[in-house]
Amino acid sequence: MFTAELINHNIPRLQLQDSVGKALRLINDYRVTHLPVVNENLYLGMISEDDLLDAYDEKSAIEILQEFFVRDSVKDNVHFLMAVNYIGLHETSIVPVINAVNIFIGVITMIDLLKALAPFSGSKESGGIIVLEMERPQFAVSQISRIVEGNDAQILHLNTTVHPDSEILTVTLHLNKTDISGIVAAFERYEYNVIYNFSDEKFEDNTDTNYRHLMNYLDI
């Protein structure tokens, strides 16, 4: 999915001549952290609520705050994960999208990104989750896949994150199987460090147990 497919046209854009007060009202009305600023249709940057609040006079034009604009943006023909990176980098609730010649297309909101991430991550599929921790040299997708497939399961989604202060990887596996006890045991036999596992089956078992305990209590 490309960024152009997630454009939200409801979020307003600002012009340089708009006042600080107007910008703050719009940010409050639309519950965003930033708003895009354009000159006609050319993207100039984004202004944050914090920088607007620091302005001396609400009647001043936002033109005087140009040095504080966030100039970065994402192109309309890139994968939507680039927009996710933008939010993490700039701590914003919206992502400005432009075309190849810097024409402003619109913004992507954090909510729209979350909606796109849900099916992309396989979160709508039932199954188990296993989280492994390992050093980089130990990470081999082929071996991890063999262990999973050797227990009659498949990987629906695999995600890796790197610890910022070390070379340790956290590998999250979303599997298409709810009974993952055998897979967890297999990883442990291969000396993988399993730091977390969860399955829909475990959740259902716990729910059933808690329900029976409640019924027994009410019978007292």
N, C-alpha and C. Protein backbone atom coordinates (compact mmCIF):
# COMPACT_ATOMS: atom_id res chain seq x y z
N MET A 1 0.84 -1.19 0.00
CA MET A 1 0.00 0.00 0.00
C MET A 1 0.89 1.25 0.00
N PHE A 2 0.56 2.20 -0.87
CA PHE A 2 1.33 3.42 -0.98
C PHE A 2 0.70 4.54 -0.14
N THR A 3 1.52 5.53 0.20
CA THR A 3 1.05 6.63 1.04
C THR A 3 -0.13 7.36 0.42
N ALA A 4 -0.15 7.47 -0.91
CA ALA A 4 -1.24 8.20 -1.58
C ALA A 4 -2.60 7.59 -1.30
N GLU A 5 -2.63 6.30 -0.97
CA GLU A 5 -3.90 5.61 -0.72
C GLU A 5 -4.46 5.91 0.67
N LEU A 6 -3.68 6.54 1.53
CA LEU A 6 -4.11 6.79 2.91
C LEU A 6 -4.34 8.27 3.20
N ILE A 7 -4.37 9.09 2.17
CA ILE A 7 -4.52 10.53 2.36
C ILE A 7 -5.85 10.86 3.05
N ASN A 8 -5.76 11.71 4.06
CA ASN A 8 -6.95 12.23 4.75
C ASN A 8 -7.09 13.70 4.36
N HIS A 9 -8.15 14.02 3.61
CA HIS A 9 -8.33 15.37 3.08
C HIS A 9 -9.10 16.28 4.03
N ASN A 10 -9.43 15.77 5.21
CA ASN A 10 -10.20 16.59 6.15
C ASN A 10 -9.33 17.52 7.00
N ILE A 11 -8.06 17.19 7.11
CA ILE A 11 -7.16 18.02 7.92
C ILE A 11 -6.82 19.30 7.16
N PRO A 12 -7.03 20.46 7.74
CA PRO A 12 -6.79 21.72 7.02
C PRO A 12 -5.30 22.01 6.83
N ARG A 13 -5.01 22.90 5.91
CA ARG A 13 -3.65 23.36 5.67
C ARG A 13 -3.59 24.86 5.98
N LEU A 14 -2.44 25.34 6.34
CA LEU A 14 -2.26 26.75 6.66
C LEU A 14 -1.50 27.47 5.56
N GLN A 15 -1.74 28.77 5.46
CA GLN A 15 -0.96 29.66 4.60
C GLN A 15 -0.07 30.52 5.49
N LEU A 16 0.98 31.06 4.93
CA LEU A 16 1.92 31.87 5.70
C LEU A 16 1.25 33.07 6.35
N GLN A 17 0.18 33.57 5.73
CA GLN A 17 -0.48 34.77 6.24
C GLN A 17 -1.47 34.46 7.37
N ASP A 18 -1.75 33.19 7.61
CA ASP A 18 -2.67 32.84 8.69
C ASP A 18 -2.05 33.20 10.04
N SER A 19 -2.91 33.56 10.98
CA SER A 19 -2.42 33.98 12.29
C SER A 19 -2.09 32.79 13.18
N VAL A 20 -1.26 33.07 14.16
CA VAL A 20 -0.92 32.06 15.16
C VAL A 20 -2.18 31.60 15.89
N GLY A 21 -3.06 32.53 16.20
CA GLY A 21 -4.31 32.18 16.88
C GLY A 21 -5.17 31.24 16.07
N LYS A 22 -5.29 31.51 14.76
CA LYS A 22 -6.07 30.62 13.89
C LYS A 22 -5.47 29.23 13.85
N ALA A 23 -4.14 29.16 13.74
CA ALA A 23 -3.47 27.87 13.69
C ALA A 23 -3.71 27.07 14.97
N LEU A 24 -3.64 27.75 16.12
CA LEU A 24 -3.87 27.06 17.39
C LEU A 24 -5.31 26.56 17.49
N ARG A 25 -6.26 27.35 17.02
CA ARG A 25 -7.66 26.92 17.07
C ARG A 25 -7.88 25.68 16.21
N LEU A 26 -7.27 25.66 15.02
CA LEU A 26 -7.43 24.50 14.13
C LEU A 26 -6.76 23.26 14.72
N ILE A 27 -5.59 23.44 15.32
CA ILE A 27 -4.91 22.30 15.95
C ILE A 27 -5.77 21.73 17.07
N ASN A 28 -6.40 22.62 17.83
CA ASN A 28 -7.28 22.17 18.92
C ASN A 28 -8.55 21.50 18.38
N ASP A 29 -9.13 22.09 17.33
CA ASP A 29 -10.37 21.54 16.76
C ASP A 29 -10.15 20.16 16.16
N TYR A 30 -9.02 19.96 15.49
CA TYR A 30 -8.77 18.69 14.80
C TYR A 30 -7.91 17.73 15.63
N ARG A 31 -7.53 18.16 16.82
CA ARG A 31 -6.80 17.32 17.77
C ARG A 31 -5.55 16.69 17.15
N VAL A 32 -4.72 17.55 16.59
CA VAL A 32 -3.46 17.12 16.00
C VAL A 32 -2.31 17.87 16.68
N THR A 33 -1.10 17.40 16.47
CA THR A 33 0.07 18.04 17.07
C THR A 33 0.70 19.08 16.15
N HIS A 34 0.47 18.93 14.84
CA HIS A 34 1.05 19.81 13.83
C HIS A 34 0.00 20.11 12.77
N LEU A 35 0.30 21.12 11.97
CA LEU A 35 -0.48 21.38 10.76
C LEU A 35 0.47 21.72 9.62
N PRO A 36 0.14 21.31 8.39
CA PRO A 36 1.00 21.64 7.25
C PRO A 36 0.82 23.10 6.83
N VAL A 37 1.90 23.68 6.33
CA VAL A 37 1.87 25.05 5.82
C VAL A 37 2.25 25.01 4.35
N VAL A 38 1.47 25.70 3.53
CA VAL A 38 1.71 25.71 2.09
C VAL A 38 1.73 27.14 1.56
N ASN A 39 2.37 27.31 0.43
CA ASN A 39 2.31 28.56 -0.33
C ASN A 39 1.64 28.21 -1.64
N GLU A 40 0.36 28.59 -1.76
CA GLU A 40 -0.51 28.05 -2.81
C GLU A 40 -0.55 26.54 -2.64
N ASN A 41 0.07 25.76 -3.54
CA ASN A 41 0.05 24.31 -3.36
C ASN A 41 1.42 23.73 -3.02
N LEU A 42 2.43 24.59 -2.89
CA LEU A 42 3.77 24.12 -2.57
C LEU A 42 3.91 23.88 -1.07
N TYR A 43 4.45 22.74 -0.72
CA TYR A 43 4.64 22.39 0.69
C TYR A 43 5.83 23.15 1.26
N LEU A 44 5.62 23.84 2.38
CA LEU A 44 6.69 24.60 3.04
C LEU A 44 7.19 23.92 4.31
N GLY A 45 6.32 23.17 4.96
CA GLY A 45 6.71 22.50 6.19
C GLY A 45 5.52 22.35 7.13
N MET A 46 5.80 21.85 8.32
CA MET A 46 4.75 21.71 9.33
C MET A 46 5.12 22.56 10.55
N ILE A 47 4.10 23.14 11.14
CA ILE A 47 4.28 23.92 12.36
C ILE A 47 3.66 23.16 13.52
N SER A 48 4.35 23.13 14.65
CA SER A 48 3.86 22.37 15.80
C SER A 48 3.08 23.26 16.75
N GLU A 49 2.23 22.62 17.55
CA GLU A 49 1.48 23.36 18.56
C GLU A 49 2.42 24.01 19.56
N ASP A 50 3.49 23.32 19.94
CA ASP A 50 4.42 23.88 20.92
C ASP A 50 5.06 25.17 20.42
N ASP A 51 5.47 25.18 19.15
CA ASP A 51 6.08 26.40 18.61
C ASP A 51 5.07 27.53 18.48
N LEU A 52 3.84 27.20 18.18
CA LEU A 52 2.79 28.22 18.11
C LEU A 52 2.52 28.81 19.49
N LEU A 53 2.51 27.96 20.51
CA LEU A 53 2.27 28.44 21.87
C LEU A 53 3.39 29.35 22.36
N ASP A 54 4.59 29.14 21.83
CA ASP A 54 5.73 29.96 22.23
C ASP A 54 5.74 31.32 21.54
N ALA A 55 4.88 31.49 20.53
CA ALA A 55 4.84 32.77 19.80
C ALA A 55 4.36 33.88 20.74
N TYR A 56 4.90 35.07 20.55
CA TYR A 56 4.61 36.19 21.45
C TYR A 56 3.19 36.71 21.26
N ASP A 57 2.73 36.76 20.03
CA ASP A 57 1.45 37.41 19.72
C ASP A 57 0.61 36.48 18.85
N GLU A 58 -0.60 36.14 19.31
CA GLU A 58 -1.48 35.26 18.53
C GLU A 58 -1.96 35.91 17.24
N LYS A 59 -1.85 37.22 17.16
CA LYS A 59 -2.29 37.91 15.94
C LYS A 59 -1.21 37.92 14.86
N SER A 60 0.01 37.53 15.24
CA SER A 60 1.10 37.50 14.28
C SER A 60 0.86 36.41 13.24
N ALA A 61 1.35 36.63 12.03
CA ALA A 61 1.27 35.62 10.98
C ALA A 61 2.28 34.52 11.25
N ILE A 62 1.93 33.30 10.91
CA ILE A 62 2.85 32.18 11.17
C ILE A 62 4.10 32.29 10.30
N GLU A 63 4.10 33.22 9.38
CA GLU A 63 5.27 33.45 8.55
C GLU A 63 6.52 33.72 9.40
N ILE A 64 6.34 34.33 10.57
CA ILE A 64 7.49 34.67 11.41
C ILE A 64 8.09 33.45 12.09
N LEU A 65 7.42 32.30 11.98
CA LEU A 65 7.89 31.07 12.64
C LEU A 65 8.51 30.09 11.65
N GLN A 66 8.84 30.54 10.46
CA GLN A 66 9.31 29.61 9.42
C GLN A 66 10.57 28.84 9.83
N GLU A 67 11.39 29.43 10.68
CA GLU A 67 12.62 28.74 11.10
C GLU A 67 12.31 27.48 11.91
N PHE A 68 11.10 27.40 12.43
CA PHE A 68 10.72 26.24 13.25
C PHE A 68 9.95 25.18 12.45
N PHE A 69 9.69 25.43 11.18
CA PHE A 69 8.94 24.47 10.38
C PHE A 69 9.70 23.15 10.28
N VAL A 70 8.95 22.06 10.34
CA VAL A 70 9.50 20.73 10.03
C VAL A 70 9.41 20.56 8.51
N ARG A 71 10.56 20.57 7.85
CA ARG A 71 10.57 20.58 6.37
C ARG A 71 10.37 19.20 5.77
N ASP A 72 10.63 18.16 6.54
CA ASP A 72 10.56 16.80 6.00
C ASP A 72 9.14 16.44 5.59
N SER A 73 9.04 15.51 4.68
CA SER A 73 7.75 14.99 4.22
C SER A 73 7.98 13.60 3.63
N VAL A 74 6.93 12.95 3.18
CA VAL A 74 7.07 11.68 2.46
C VAL A 74 6.43 11.83 1.09
N LYS A 75 6.95 11.09 0.15
CA LYS A 75 6.42 11.14 -1.21
C LYS A 75 5.13 10.32 -1.31
N ASP A 76 4.34 10.61 -2.32
CA ASP A 76 3.05 9.94 -2.48
C ASP A 76 3.16 8.57 -3.11
N ASN A 77 4.37 8.19 -3.57
CA ASN A 77 4.52 6.91 -4.26
C ASN A 77 5.43 5.94 -3.51
N VAL A 78 5.56 6.13 -2.18
CA VAL A 78 6.38 5.23 -1.39
C VAL A 78 5.49 4.37 -0.49
N HIS A 79 6.06 3.30 0.05
CA HIS A 79 5.31 2.40 0.91
C HIS A 79 4.88 3.14 2.18
N PHE A 80 3.70 2.79 2.68
CA PHE A 80 3.15 3.53 3.81
C PHE A 80 3.98 3.38 5.09
N LEU A 81 4.85 2.38 5.15
CA LEU A 81 5.71 2.24 6.32
C LEU A 81 6.67 3.43 6.46
N MET A 82 6.94 4.12 5.36
CA MET A 82 7.75 5.34 5.44
C MET A 82 7.05 6.39 6.28
N ALA A 83 5.72 6.41 6.22
CA ALA A 83 4.95 7.35 7.04
C ALA A 83 5.03 6.97 8.51
N VAL A 84 5.08 5.68 8.80
CA VAL A 84 5.23 5.22 10.19
C VAL A 84 6.57 5.69 10.74
N ASN A 85 7.62 5.58 9.93
CA ASN A 85 8.94 6.05 10.34
C ASN A 85 8.93 7.54 10.61
N TYR A 86 8.21 8.28 9.80
CA TYR A 86 8.14 9.74 9.94
C TYR A 86 7.54 10.12 11.29
N ILE A 87 6.47 9.44 11.68
CA ILE A 87 5.82 9.73 12.96
C ILE A 87 6.77 9.47 14.12
N GLY A 88 7.51 8.37 14.04
CA GLY A 88 8.46 8.07 15.10
C GLY A 88 9.59 9.08 15.16
N LEU A 89 10.03 9.55 14.01
CA LEU A 89 11.15 10.49 13.95
C LEU A 89 10.78 11.88 14.44
N HIS A 90 9.58 12.34 14.06
CA HIS A 90 9.20 13.72 14.35
C HIS A 90 8.16 13.86 15.46
N GLU A 91 7.73 12.75 16.03
CA GLU A 91 6.76 12.76 17.14
C GLU A 91 5.55 13.62 16.78
N THR A 92 4.92 13.27 15.70
CA THR A 92 3.77 14.01 15.20
C THR A 92 2.59 13.07 15.00
N SER A 93 1.39 13.63 14.96
CA SER A 93 0.19 12.81 14.76
C SER A 93 -0.26 12.81 13.31
N ILE A 94 0.40 13.58 12.45
CA ILE A 94 0.08 13.58 11.02
C ILE A 94 1.37 13.55 10.21
N VAL A 95 1.25 13.04 8.98
CA VAL A 95 2.40 12.94 8.08
C VAL A 95 2.07 13.69 6.79
N PRO A 96 2.84 14.70 6.41
CA PRO A 96 2.58 15.42 5.15
C PRO A 96 3.05 14.61 3.95
N VAL A 97 2.25 14.60 2.91
CA VAL A 97 2.57 13.83 1.70
C VAL A 97 2.65 14.79 0.52
N ILE A 98 3.73 14.69 -0.25
CA ILE A 98 3.93 15.54 -1.41
C ILE A 98 4.20 14.68 -2.64
N ASN A 99 4.16 15.31 -3.83
CA ASN A 99 4.52 14.57 -5.03
C ASN A 99 5.97 14.89 -5.41
N ALA A 100 6.37 14.48 -6.60
CA ALA A 100 7.78 14.60 -7.01
C ALA A 100 8.24 16.04 -7.16
N VAL A 101 7.32 16.98 -7.34
CA VAL A 101 7.70 18.39 -7.53
C VAL A 101 7.28 19.25 -6.34
N ASN A 102 7.17 18.63 -5.17
CA ASN A 102 6.91 19.33 -3.91
C ASN A 102 5.50 19.92 -3.80
N ILE A 103 4.58 19.43 -4.61
CA ILE A 103 3.18 19.84 -4.49
C ILE A 103 2.55 19.08 -3.32
N PHE A 104 1.90 19.81 -2.44
CA PHE A 104 1.28 19.20 -1.27
C PHE A 104 0.05 18.40 -1.69
N ILE A 105 0.00 17.13 -1.29
CA ILE A 105 -1.12 16.25 -1.63
C ILE A 105 -2.12 16.16 -0.49
N GLY A 106 -1.64 16.07 0.72
CA GLY A 106 -2.50 15.93 1.88
C GLY A 106 -1.71 15.34 3.03
N VAL A 107 -2.40 14.88 4.05
CA VAL A 107 -1.71 14.28 5.19
C VAL A 107 -2.28 12.90 5.48
N ILE A 108 -1.49 12.11 6.19
CA ILE A 108 -1.94 10.83 6.71
C ILE A 108 -1.99 10.97 8.22
N THR A 109 -3.09 10.60 8.83
CA THR A 109 -3.20 10.69 10.28
C THR A 109 -2.70 9.41 10.93
N MET A 110 -2.35 9.52 12.21
CA MET A 110 -1.88 8.36 12.95
C MET A 110 -2.95 7.27 13.00
N ILE A 111 -4.21 7.67 13.12
CA ILE A 111 -5.31 6.70 13.17
C ILE A 111 -5.39 5.92 11.87
N ASP A 112 -5.26 6.63 10.73
CA ASP A 112 -5.30 5.95 9.43
C ASP A 112 -4.13 4.98 9.28
N LEU A 113 -2.98 5.37 9.82
CA LEU A 113 -1.82 4.48 9.76
C LEU A 113 -2.04 3.22 10.59
N LEU A 114 -2.63 3.38 11.77
CA LEU A 114 -2.90 2.22 12.62
C LEU A 114 -3.88 1.27 11.94
N LYS A 115 -4.88 1.84 11.26
CA LYS A 115 -5.84 0.99 10.55
C LYS A 115 -5.15 0.21 9.43
N ALA A 116 -4.17 0.84 8.78
CA ALA A 116 -3.45 0.15 7.71
C ALA A 116 -2.49 -0.89 8.26
N LEU A 117 -1.96 -0.63 9.44
CA LEU A 117 -1.00 -1.55 10.04
C LEU A 117 -1.65 -2.84 10.54
N ALA A 118 -2.92 -2.76 10.95
CA ALA A 118 -3.59 -3.92 11.54
C ALA A 118 -3.58 -5.13 10.60
N PRO A 119 -4.11 -5.02 9.37
CA PRO A 119 -4.06 -6.19 8.48
C PRO A 119 -2.64 -6.50 8.00
N PHE A 120 -1.81 -5.46 7.88
CA PHE A 120 -0.44 -5.66 7.42
C PHE A 120 0.35 -6.52 8.40
N SER A 121 0.09 -6.34 9.68
CA SER A 121 0.82 -7.10 10.70
C SER A 121 0.21 -8.46 10.99
N GLY A 122 -0.94 -8.74 10.35
CA GLY A 122 -1.59 -10.02 10.59
C GLY A 122 -2.35 -10.09 11.89
N SER A 123 -2.64 -8.94 12.49
CA SER A 123 -3.29 -8.93 13.80
C SER A 123 -4.72 -9.45 13.76
N LYS A 124 -5.33 -9.48 12.58
CA LYS A 124 -6.70 -9.97 12.47
C LYS A 124 -6.76 -11.50 12.37
N GLU A 125 -5.61 -12.12 12.19
CA GLU A 125 -5.56 -13.58 12.09
C GLU A 125 -5.40 -14.19 13.48
N SER A 126 -6.15 -15.24 13.76
CA SER A 126 -6.01 -15.92 15.04
C SER A 126 -4.77 -16.80 15.01
N GLY A 127 -4.20 -17.03 16.18
CA GLY A 127 -3.01 -17.86 16.26
C GLY A 127 -2.17 -17.49 17.47
N GLY A 128 -0.98 -18.03 17.51
CA GLY A 128 -0.09 -17.81 18.64
C GLY A 128 1.01 -16.82 18.33
N ILE A 129 1.59 -16.28 19.38
CA ILE A 129 2.71 -15.33 19.27
C ILE A 129 3.87 -15.85 20.11
N ILE A 130 5.03 -15.87 19.50
CA ILE A 130 6.26 -16.26 20.19
C ILE A 130 7.28 -15.14 20.00
N VAL A 131 7.90 -14.72 21.09
CA VAL A 131 8.93 -13.69 21.02
C VAL A 131 10.26 -14.29 21.44
N LEU A 132 11.23 -14.17 20.55
CA LEU A 132 12.57 -14.71 20.79
C LEU A 132 13.56 -13.56 20.95
N GLU A 133 14.60 -13.82 21.71
CA GLU A 133 15.68 -12.85 21.86
C GLU A 133 16.98 -13.54 21.51
N MET A 134 17.80 -12.90 20.68
CA MET A 134 19.02 -13.55 20.20
C MET A 134 20.03 -12.52 19.74
N GLU A 135 21.28 -12.96 19.59
CA GLU A 135 22.31 -12.12 19.00
C GLU A 135 22.17 -12.17 17.48
N ARG A 136 22.66 -11.13 16.82
CA ARG A 136 22.51 -11.03 15.36
C ARG A 136 22.99 -12.27 14.61
N PRO A 137 24.18 -12.82 14.93
CA PRO A 137 24.65 -14.00 14.17
C PRO A 137 23.72 -15.20 14.28
N GLN A 138 22.92 -15.25 15.34
CA GLN A 138 22.02 -16.39 15.54
C GLN A 138 20.76 -16.28 14.71
N PHE A 139 20.49 -15.08 14.18
CA PHE A 139 19.24 -14.86 13.45
C PHE A 139 19.32 -15.45 12.05
N ALA A 140 18.52 -16.46 11.80
CA ALA A 140 18.45 -17.10 10.48
C ALA A 140 16.99 -17.44 10.20
N VAL A 141 16.38 -16.72 9.27
CA VAL A 141 14.97 -16.94 8.96
C VAL A 141 14.71 -18.37 8.52
N SER A 142 15.64 -18.94 7.77
CA SER A 142 15.44 -20.30 7.25
C SER A 142 15.32 -21.31 8.39
N GLN A 143 16.17 -21.19 9.41
CA GLN A 143 16.11 -22.13 10.52
C GLN A 143 14.85 -21.91 11.36
N ILE A 144 14.51 -20.65 11.61
CA ILE A 144 13.30 -20.35 12.36
C ILE A 144 12.08 -20.92 11.64
N SER A 145 12.04 -20.77 10.32
CA SER A 145 10.92 -21.30 9.54
C SER A 145 10.86 -22.82 9.61
N ARG A 146 12.02 -23.47 9.56
CA ARG A 146 12.04 -24.94 9.63
C ARG A 146 11.48 -25.43 10.96
N ILE A 147 11.84 -24.75 12.04
CA ILE A 147 11.33 -25.16 13.36
C ILE A 147 9.82 -25.02 13.41
N VAL A 148 9.31 -23.91 12.91
CA VAL A 148 7.87 -23.66 12.93
C VAL A 148 7.15 -24.66 12.03
N GLU A 149 7.63 -24.81 10.78
CA GLU A 149 6.97 -25.70 9.82
C GLU A 149 7.12 -27.16 10.23
N GLY A 150 8.18 -27.48 10.97
CA GLY A 150 8.35 -28.84 11.47
C GLY A 150 7.32 -29.22 12.52
N ASN A 151 6.61 -28.21 13.03
CA ASN A 151 5.53 -28.46 13.99
C ASN A 151 4.17 -28.14 13.39
N ASP A 152 4.08 -28.32 12.08
CA ASP A 152 2.81 -28.17 11.34
C ASP A 152 2.19 -26.79 11.52
N ALA A 153 3.02 -25.75 11.45
CA ALA A 153 2.53 -24.38 11.55
C ALA A 153 3.22 -23.51 10.50
N GLN A 154 2.71 -22.32 10.33
CA GLN A 154 3.30 -21.37 9.39
C GLN A 154 3.44 -20.01 10.06
N ILE A 155 4.42 -19.25 9.60
CA ILE A 155 4.61 -17.89 10.11
C ILE A 155 3.73 -16.93 9.32
N LEU A 156 2.80 -16.28 10.01
CA LEU A 156 1.95 -15.29 9.37
C LEU A 156 2.65 -13.94 9.27
N HIS A 157 3.46 -13.65 10.30
CA HIS A 157 4.15 -12.37 10.33
C HIS A 157 5.39 -12.51 11.18
N LEU A 158 6.48 -11.89 10.71
CA LEU A 158 7.74 -11.90 11.45
C LEU A 158 8.25 -10.47 11.54
N ASN A 159 8.59 -10.06 12.74
CA ASN A 159 9.08 -8.70 12.94
C ASN A 159 10.33 -8.73 13.81
N THR A 160 11.30 -7.90 13.47
CA THR A 160 12.53 -7.82 14.26
C THR A 160 12.75 -6.39 14.73
N THR A 161 13.25 -6.26 15.95
CA THR A 161 13.67 -4.98 16.49
C THR A 161 15.05 -5.14 17.12
N VAL A 162 15.85 -4.10 17.03
CA VAL A 162 17.21 -4.13 17.56
C VAL A 162 17.27 -3.31 18.83
N HIS A 163 17.85 -3.86 19.88
CA HIS A 163 18.05 -3.11 21.10
C HIS A 163 19.03 -1.97 20.81
N PRO A 164 18.68 -0.75 21.18
CA PRO A 164 19.52 0.40 20.82
C PRO A 164 20.91 0.38 21.44
N ASP A 165 21.06 -0.28 22.56
CA ASP A 165 22.35 -0.26 23.26
C ASP A 165 23.13 -1.57 23.13
N SER A 166 22.70 -2.44 22.21
CA SER A 166 23.41 -3.70 22.03
C SER A 166 23.09 -4.25 20.64
N GLU A 167 23.65 -5.43 20.37
CA GLU A 167 23.39 -6.10 19.10
C GLU A 167 22.33 -7.20 19.25
N ILE A 168 21.56 -7.13 20.33
CA ILE A 168 20.54 -8.15 20.59
C ILE A 168 19.30 -7.86 19.76
N LEU A 169 18.78 -8.90 19.13
CA LEU A 169 17.55 -8.81 18.33
C LEU A 169 16.38 -9.38 19.12
N THR A 170 15.24 -8.72 19.00
CA THR A 170 13.98 -9.30 19.48
C THR A 170 13.18 -9.68 18.24
N VAL A 171 12.84 -10.94 18.14
CA VAL A 171 12.13 -11.47 16.96
C VAL A 171 10.74 -11.91 17.40
N THR A 172 9.72 -11.29 16.81
CA THR A 172 8.34 -11.62 17.13
C THR A 172 7.73 -12.42 16.00
N LEU A 173 7.20 -13.59 16.33
CA LEU A 173 6.58 -14.48 15.35
C LEU A 173 5.08 -14.57 15.63
N HIS A 174 4.29 -14.34 14.60
CA HIS A 174 2.85 -14.56 14.68
C HIS A 174 2.55 -15.79 13.84
N LEU A 175 2.02 -16.83 14.48
CA LEU A 175 1.83 -18.13 13.83
C LEU A 175 0.35 -18.40 13.58
N ASN A 176 0.08 -19.33 12.69
CA ASN A 176 -1.30 -19.66 12.35
C ASN A 176 -1.84 -20.81 13.19
N LYS A 177 -1.21 -21.06 14.32
CA LYS A 177 -1.59 -22.19 15.15
C LYS A 177 -1.76 -21.71 16.59
N THR A 178 -2.84 -22.15 17.23
CA THR A 178 -3.09 -21.70 18.60
C THR A 178 -2.35 -22.54 19.64
N ASP A 179 -2.19 -23.83 19.38
CA ASP A 179 -1.45 -24.69 20.31
C ASP A 179 0.03 -24.61 19.94
N ILE A 180 0.76 -23.76 20.62
CA ILE A 180 2.15 -23.49 20.26
C ILE A 180 3.13 -24.07 21.27
N SER A 181 2.65 -24.86 22.21
CA SER A 181 3.54 -25.39 23.24
C SER A 181 4.66 -26.23 22.64
N GLY A 182 4.33 -27.03 21.62
CA GLY A 182 5.35 -27.85 20.97
C GLY A 182 6.39 -27.01 20.25
N ILE A 183 5.96 -25.90 19.66
CA ILE A 183 6.88 -25.01 18.95
C ILE A 183 7.79 -24.30 19.93
N VAL A 184 7.22 -23.86 21.04
CA VAL A 184 8.03 -23.23 22.08
C VAL A 184 9.10 -24.21 22.58
N ALA A 185 8.70 -25.45 22.82
CA ALA A 185 9.65 -26.46 23.28
C ALA A 185 10.75 -26.71 22.25
N ALA A 186 10.37 -26.69 20.96
CA ALA A 186 11.36 -26.91 19.90
C ALA A 186 12.38 -25.78 19.86
N PHE A 187 11.92 -24.55 20.00
CA PHE A 187 12.86 -23.42 20.02
C PHE A 187 13.82 -23.54 21.21
N GLU A 188 13.29 -23.96 22.33
CA GLU A 188 14.14 -24.10 23.52
C GLU A 188 15.16 -25.23 23.33
N ARG A 189 14.77 -26.29 22.62
CA ARG A 189 15.72 -27.37 22.34
C ARG A 189 16.87 -26.87 21.46
N TYR A 190 16.56 -25.96 20.56
CA TYR A 190 17.59 -25.38 19.69
C TYR A 190 18.29 -24.19 20.36
N GLU A 191 18.06 -24.06 21.66
CA GLU A 191 18.74 -23.06 22.50
C GLU A 191 18.40 -21.62 22.11
N TYR A 192 17.19 -21.42 21.64
CA TYR A 192 16.68 -20.06 21.46
C TYR A 192 16.12 -19.57 22.80
N ASN A 193 16.27 -18.30 23.04
CA ASN A 193 15.75 -17.70 24.27
C ASN A 193 14.33 -17.22 24.02
N VAL A 194 13.35 -17.99 24.49
CA VAL A 194 11.93 -17.62 24.33
C VAL A 194 11.55 -16.74 25.52
N ILE A 195 11.33 -15.45 25.25
CA ILE A 195 11.04 -14.53 26.35
C ILE A 195 9.55 -14.31 26.56
N TYR A 196 8.73 -14.76 25.59
CA TYR A 196 7.28 -14.56 25.73
C TYR A 196 6.56 -15.45 24.74
N ASN A 197 5.42 -15.98 25.16
CA ASN A 197 4.56 -16.69 24.20
C ASN A 197 3.11 -16.53 24.64
N PHE A 198 2.24 -16.47 23.68
CA PHE A 198 0.81 -16.28 23.96
C PHE A 198 0.01 -16.91 22.82
N SER A 199 -1.13 -17.48 23.16
CA SER A 199 -2.00 -18.05 22.14
C SER A 199 -3.45 -17.76 22.46
N ASP A 200 -4.28 -17.72 21.42
CA ASP A 200 -5.71 -17.55 21.62
C ASP A 200 -6.26 -18.66 22.50
N GLU A 201 -5.69 -19.85 22.35
CA GLU A 201 -6.15 -21.00 23.13
C GLU A 201 -5.92 -20.77 24.61
N LYS A 202 -4.73 -20.20 24.95
CA LYS A 202 -4.43 -19.91 26.34
C LYS A 202 -5.41 -18.88 26.89
N PHE A 203 -5.71 -17.87 26.06
CA PHE A 203 -6.65 -16.84 26.49
C PHE A 203 -8.03 -17.44 26.75
N GLU A 204 -8.47 -18.33 25.85
CA GLU A 204 -9.78 -18.95 26.01
C GLU A 204 -9.80 -19.85 27.24
N ASP A 205 -8.69 -20.59 27.48
CA ASP A 205 -8.63 -21.45 28.66
C ASP A 205 -8.70 -20.63 29.93
N ASN A 206 -7.98 -19.51 29.97
CA ASN A 206 -8.00 -18.65 31.16
C ASN A 206 -9.37 -18.05 31.38
N THR A 207 -10.03 -17.65 30.28
CA THR A 207 -11.37 -17.08 30.39
C THR A 207 -12.35 -18.11 30.94
N ASP A 208 -12.25 -19.34 30.44
CA ASP A 208 -13.13 -20.40 30.90
C ASP A 208 -12.88 -20.71 32.38
N THR A 209 -11.59 -20.74 32.77
CA THR A 209 -11.26 -21.01 34.18
C THR A 209 -11.80 -19.91 35.09
N ASN A 210 -11.61 -18.67 34.68
CA ASN A 210 -12.09 -17.54 35.49
C ASN A 210 -13.62 -17.56 35.59
N TYR A 211 -14.30 -17.96 34.51
CA TYR A 211 -15.76 -18.03 34.51
C TYR A 211 -16.23 -19.09 35.50
N ARG A 212 -15.57 -20.27 35.48
CA ARG A 212 -15.96 -21.34 36.39
C ARG A 212 -15.72 -20.95 37.84
N HIS A 213 -14.62 -20.24 38.10
CA HIS A 213 -14.35 -19.78 39.46
C HIS A 213 -15.42 -18.81 39.93
N LEU A 214 -15.85 -17.94 39.03
CA LEU A 214 -16.90 -16.99 39.38
C LEU A 214 -18.22 -17.72 39.68
N MET A 215 -18.56 -18.71 38.86
CA MET A 215 -19.80 -19.45 39.07
C MET A 215 -19.76 -20.20 40.41
N ASN A 216 -18.59 -20.78 40.71
CA ASN A 216 -18.47 -21.49 41.99
C ASN A 216 -18.61 -20.53 43.16
N TYR A 217 -18.08 -19.33 43.00
CA TYR A 217 -18.19 -18.33 44.06
C TYR A 217 -19.65 -17.92 44.27
N LEU A 218 -20.38 -17.75 43.17
CA LEU A 218 -21.79 -17.33 43.27
C LEU A 218 -22.66 -18.43 43.85
N ASP A 219 -22.21 -19.67 43.74
CA ASP A 219 -22.97 -20.79 44.29
C ASP A 219 -22.82 -20.90 45.80
N ILE A 220 -21.79 -20.25 46.33
CA ILE A 220 -21.56 -20.34 47.79
C ILE A 220 -22.69 -19.68 48.58
